Amino acid sequence: MLALFVMTVASSLVVAIVDSQLLRHAALRNTRDWDRARYLAESGLNHAFAELEKNIEFRTEIAWTEFPVGSGDRYMATLQDGPKGTVVIQSVGSAGSFNRYLSVTIKQGG
């Protein structure tokens, strides 16, 4: 009877530890994807800045771009004319199940 009780307690501890570790792993994966989506959205902004450097009149959408290639993570950006000679850049980064959005308004020239 005592051996059965000890096995039950030990099994309960093992199940609790495994469950805790699975929860930690899922939280870590979510944090990683959340941060990665933000960095990808920033990559979209930087891609848009580079296009504006090449051509100040660039107002085209930057299509979904996978980065790094083969990862499934991606970004895209749109550029539009804003008020008073500004350019509004909106970027989306997507990683895992997360999408992060960034919007920047810049003034070109002086």
C-alpha atoms as a PDB file:
ATOM      1  CA  MET A   1       0.000   0.000   0.000  1.00  0.00           C
ATOM      2  CA  LEU A   2       2.847   2.365   0.873  1.00  0.00           C
ATOM      3  CA  ALA A   3       4.585   1.647  -2.438  1.00  0.00           C
ATOM      4  CA  LEU A   4       1.385   2.477  -4.330  1.00  0.00           C
ATOM      5  CA  PHE A   5       1.086   5.779  -2.438  1.00  0.00           C
ATOM      6  CA  VAL A   6       4.728   6.707  -3.164  1.00  0.00           C
ATOM      7  CA  MET A   7       4.302   5.891  -6.881  1.00  0.00           C
ATOM      8  CA  THR A   8       1.165   8.057  -7.040  1.00  0.00           C
ATOM      9  CA  VAL A   9       2.919  11.012  -5.409  1.00  0.00           C
ATOM     10  CA  ALA A  10       5.995  10.622  -7.635  1.00  0.00           C
ATOM     11  CA  SER A  11       3.843  10.379 -10.770  1.00  0.00           C
ATOM     12  CA  SER A  12       1.934  13.499  -9.758  1.00  0.00           C
ATOM     13  CA  LEU A  13       5.207  15.406  -9.306  1.00  0.00           C
ATOM     14  CA  VAL A  14       6.532  14.280 -12.679  1.00  0.00           C
ATOM     15  CA  VAL A  15       3.302  15.306 -14.426  1.00  0.00           C
ATOM     16  CA  ALA A  16       3.366  18.721 -12.704  1.00  0.00           C
ATOM     17  CA  ILE A  17       7.005  19.327 -13.686  1.00  0.00           C
ATOM     18  CA  VAL A  18       6.427  18.309 -17.321  1.00  0.00           C
ATOM     19  CA  ASP A  19       3.317  20.520 -17.516  1.00  0.00           C
ATOM     20  CA  SER A  20       5.246  23.454 -16.080  1.00  0.00           C
ATOM     21  CA  GLN A  21       8.071  23.009 -18.587  1.00  0.00           C
ATOM     22  CA  LEU A  22       5.636  22.811 -21.511  1.00  0.00           C
ATOM     23  CA  LEU A  23       4.000  26.043 -20.353  1.00  0.00           C
ATOM     24  CA  ARG A  24       7.383  27.775 -20.096  1.00  0.00           C
ATOM     25  CA  HIS A  25       8.347  26.584 -23.560  1.00  0.00           C
ATOM     26  CA  ALA A  26       5.088  27.916 -25.052  1.00  0.00           C
ATOM     27  CA  ALA A  27       5.569  31.280 -23.311  1.00  0.00           C
ATOM     28  CA  LEU A  28       9.132  31.510 -24.604  1.00  0.00           C
ATOM     29  CA  ARG A  29       8.016  30.690 -28.159  1.00  0.00           C
ATOM     30  CA  ASN A  30       5.309  33.377 -27.981  1.00  0.00           C
ATOM     31  CA  THR A  31       7.785  35.958 -26.686  1.00  0.00           C
ATOM     32  CA  ARG A  32      10.250  35.081 -29.444  1.00  0.00           C
ATOM     33  CA  ASP A  33       7.588  35.362 -32.163  1.00  0.00           C
ATOM     34  CA  TRP A  34       6.249  38.640 -30.688  1.00  0.00           C
ATOM     35  CA  ASP A  35       9.731  40.192 -30.760  1.00  0.00           C
ATOM     36  CA  ARG A  36      10.537  38.760 -34.185  1.00  0.00           C
ATOM     37  CA  ALA A  37       7.334  40.258 -35.637  1.00  0.00           C
ATOM     38  CA  ARG A  38       8.389  43.687 -34.318  1.00  0.00           C
ATOM     39  CA  TYR A  39      11.845  43.378 -35.865  1.00  0.00           C
ATOM     40  CA  LEU A  40      10.291  42.329 -39.165  1.00  0.00           C
ATOM     41  CA  ALA A  41       7.988  45.371 -39.104  1.00  0.00           C
ATOM     42  CA  GLU A  42      11.095  47.515 -38.575  1.00  0.00           C
ATOM     43  CA  SER A  43      12.691  45.735 -41.543  1.00  0.00           C
ATOM     44  CA  GLY A  44       9.713  46.814 -43.638  1.00  0.00           C
ATOM     45  CA  LEU A  45      10.280  50.418 -42.584  1.00  0.00           C
ATOM     46  CA  ASN A  46      13.970  50.204 -43.415  1.00  0.00           C
ATOM     47  CA  HIS A  47      13.175  48.668 -46.793  1.00  0.00           C
ATOM     48  CA  ALA A  48      10.822  51.601 -47.475  1.00  0.00           C
ATOM     49  CA  PHE A  49      13.505  54.101 -46.385  1.00  0.00           C
ATOM     50  CA  ALA A  50      15.960  52.473 -48.797  1.00  0.00           C
ATOM     51  CA  GLU A  51      13.461  52.741 -51.651  1.00  0.00           C
ATOM     52  CA  LEU A  52      12.917  56.439 -50.834  1.00  0.00           C
ATOM     53  CA  GLU A  53      16.681  56.955 -50.860  1.00  0.00           C
ATOM     54  CA  LYS A  54      16.809  55.574 -54.404  1.00  0.00           C
ATOM     55  CA  ASN A  55      13.690  57.392 -55.631  1.00  0.00           C
ATOM     56  CA  ILE A  56      12.097  60.227 -53.645  1.00  0.00           C
ATOM     57  CA  GLU A  57       8.826  59.734 -55.577  1.00  0.00           C
ATOM     58  CA  PHE A  58       8.460  56.043 -54.596  1.00  0.00           C
ATOM     59  CA  ARG A  59       4.902  55.420 -53.338  1.00  0.00           C
ATOM     60  CA  THR A  60       4.414  51.778 -54.231  1.00  0.00           C
ATOM     61  CA  GLU A  61       3.612  48.944 -51.842  1.00  0.00           C
ATOM     62  CA  ILE A  62       6.496  46.722 -50.854  1.00  0.00           C
ATOM     63  CA  ALA A  63       5.048  43.232 -51.288  1.00  0.00           C
ATOM     64  CA  TRP A  64       5.266  40.549 -48.620  1.00  0.00           C
ATOM     65  CA  THR A  65       8.935  39.656 -48.306  1.00  0.00           C
ATOM     66  CA  GLU A  66      10.062  36.513 -46.500  1.00  0.00           C
ATOM     67  CA  PHE A  67      13.064  37.145 -44.298  1.00  0.00           C
ATOM     68  CA  PRO A  68      15.181  35.179 -43.861  1.00  0.00           C
ATOM     69  CA  VAL A  69      14.250  33.116 -46.901  1.00  0.00           C
ATOM     70  CA  GLY A  70      12.646  29.825 -45.904  1.00  0.00           C
ATOM     71  CA  SER A  71      11.719  30.931 -42.367  1.00  0.00           C
ATOM     72  CA  GLY A  72       8.048  31.692 -42.995  1.00  0.00           C
ATOM     73  CA  ASP A  73       8.524  35.089 -41.292  1.00  0.00           C
ATOM     74  CA  ARG A  74       7.712  38.086 -43.478  1.00  0.00           C
ATOM     75  CA  TYR A  75       7.104  41.814 -43.713  1.00  0.00           C
ATOM     76  CA  MET A  76       5.410  44.312 -46.034  1.00  0.00           C
ATOM     77  CA  ALA A  77       5.085  48.082 -46.194  1.00  0.00           C
ATOM     78  CA  THR A  78       2.995  50.735 -47.910  1.00  0.00           C
ATOM     79  CA  LEU A  79       3.971  54.315 -48.662  1.00  0.00           C
ATOM     80  CA  GLN A  80       1.427  57.095 -49.167  1.00  0.00           C
ATOM     81  CA  ASP A  81       1.519  60.851 -49.477  1.00  0.00           C
ATOM     82  CA  GLY A  82       0.528  62.493 -46.227  1.00  0.00           C
ATOM     83  CA  PRO A  83      -0.468  66.042 -45.336  1.00  0.00           C
ATOM     84  CA  LYS A  84       1.907  68.978 -45.868  1.00  0.00           C
ATOM     85  CA  GLY A  85       4.495  67.149 -47.964  1.00  0.00           C
ATOM     86  CA  THR A  86       4.923  64.177 -45.640  1.00  0.00           C
ATOM     87  CA  VAL A  87       5.102  60.496 -46.474  1.00  0.00           C
ATOM     88  CA  VAL A  88       3.254  57.959 -44.322  1.00  0.00           C
ATOM     89  CA  ILE A  89       4.883  54.532 -44.148  1.00  0.00           C
ATOM     90  CA  GLN A  90       2.936  51.651 -42.652  1.00  0.00           C
ATOM     91  CA  SER A  91       4.664  48.333 -42.101  1.00  0.00           C
ATOM     92  CA  VAL A  92       3.535  44.904 -40.914  1.00  0.00           C
ATOM     93  CA  GLY A  93       5.778  42.142 -39.556  1.00  0.00           C
ATOM     94  CA  SER A  94       4.453  38.603 -39.267  1.00  0.00           C
ATOM     95  CA  ALA A  95       6.087  35.809 -37.267  1.00  0.00           C
ATOM     96  CA  GLY A  96       4.382  32.697 -35.987  1.00  0.00           C
ATOM     97  CA  SER A  97       0.851  33.685 -34.983  1.00  0.00           C
ATOM     98  CA  PHE A  98       1.721  37.342 -34.369  1.00  0.00           C
ATOM     99  CA  ASN A  99       1.436  40.439 -36.552  1.00  0.00           C
ATOM    100  CA  ARG A 100       3.002  43.726 -35.441  1.00  0.00           C
ATOM    101  CA  TYR A 101       2.165  47.060 -37.053  1.00  0.00           C
ATOM    102  CA  LEU A 102       4.313  50.184 -37.249  1.00  0.00           C
ATOM    103  CA  SER A 103       3.461  53.531 -38.788  1.00  0.00           C
ATOM    104  CA  VAL A 104       5.901  56.381 -39.427  1.00  0.00           C
ATOM    105  CA  THR A 105       5.348  59.827 -40.893  1.00  0.00           C
ATOM    106  CA  ILE A 106       8.385  61.482 -42.413  1.00  0.00           C
ATOM    107  CA  LYS A 107       9.024  64.852 -44.031  1.00  0.00           C
ATOM    108  CA  GLN A 108      11.270  64.851 -47.055  1.00  0.00           C
ATOM    109  CA  GLY A 109      13.366  67.786 -48.047  1.00  0.00           C
ATOM    110  CA  GLY A 110      13.464  70.690 -45.654  1.00  0.00           C
END
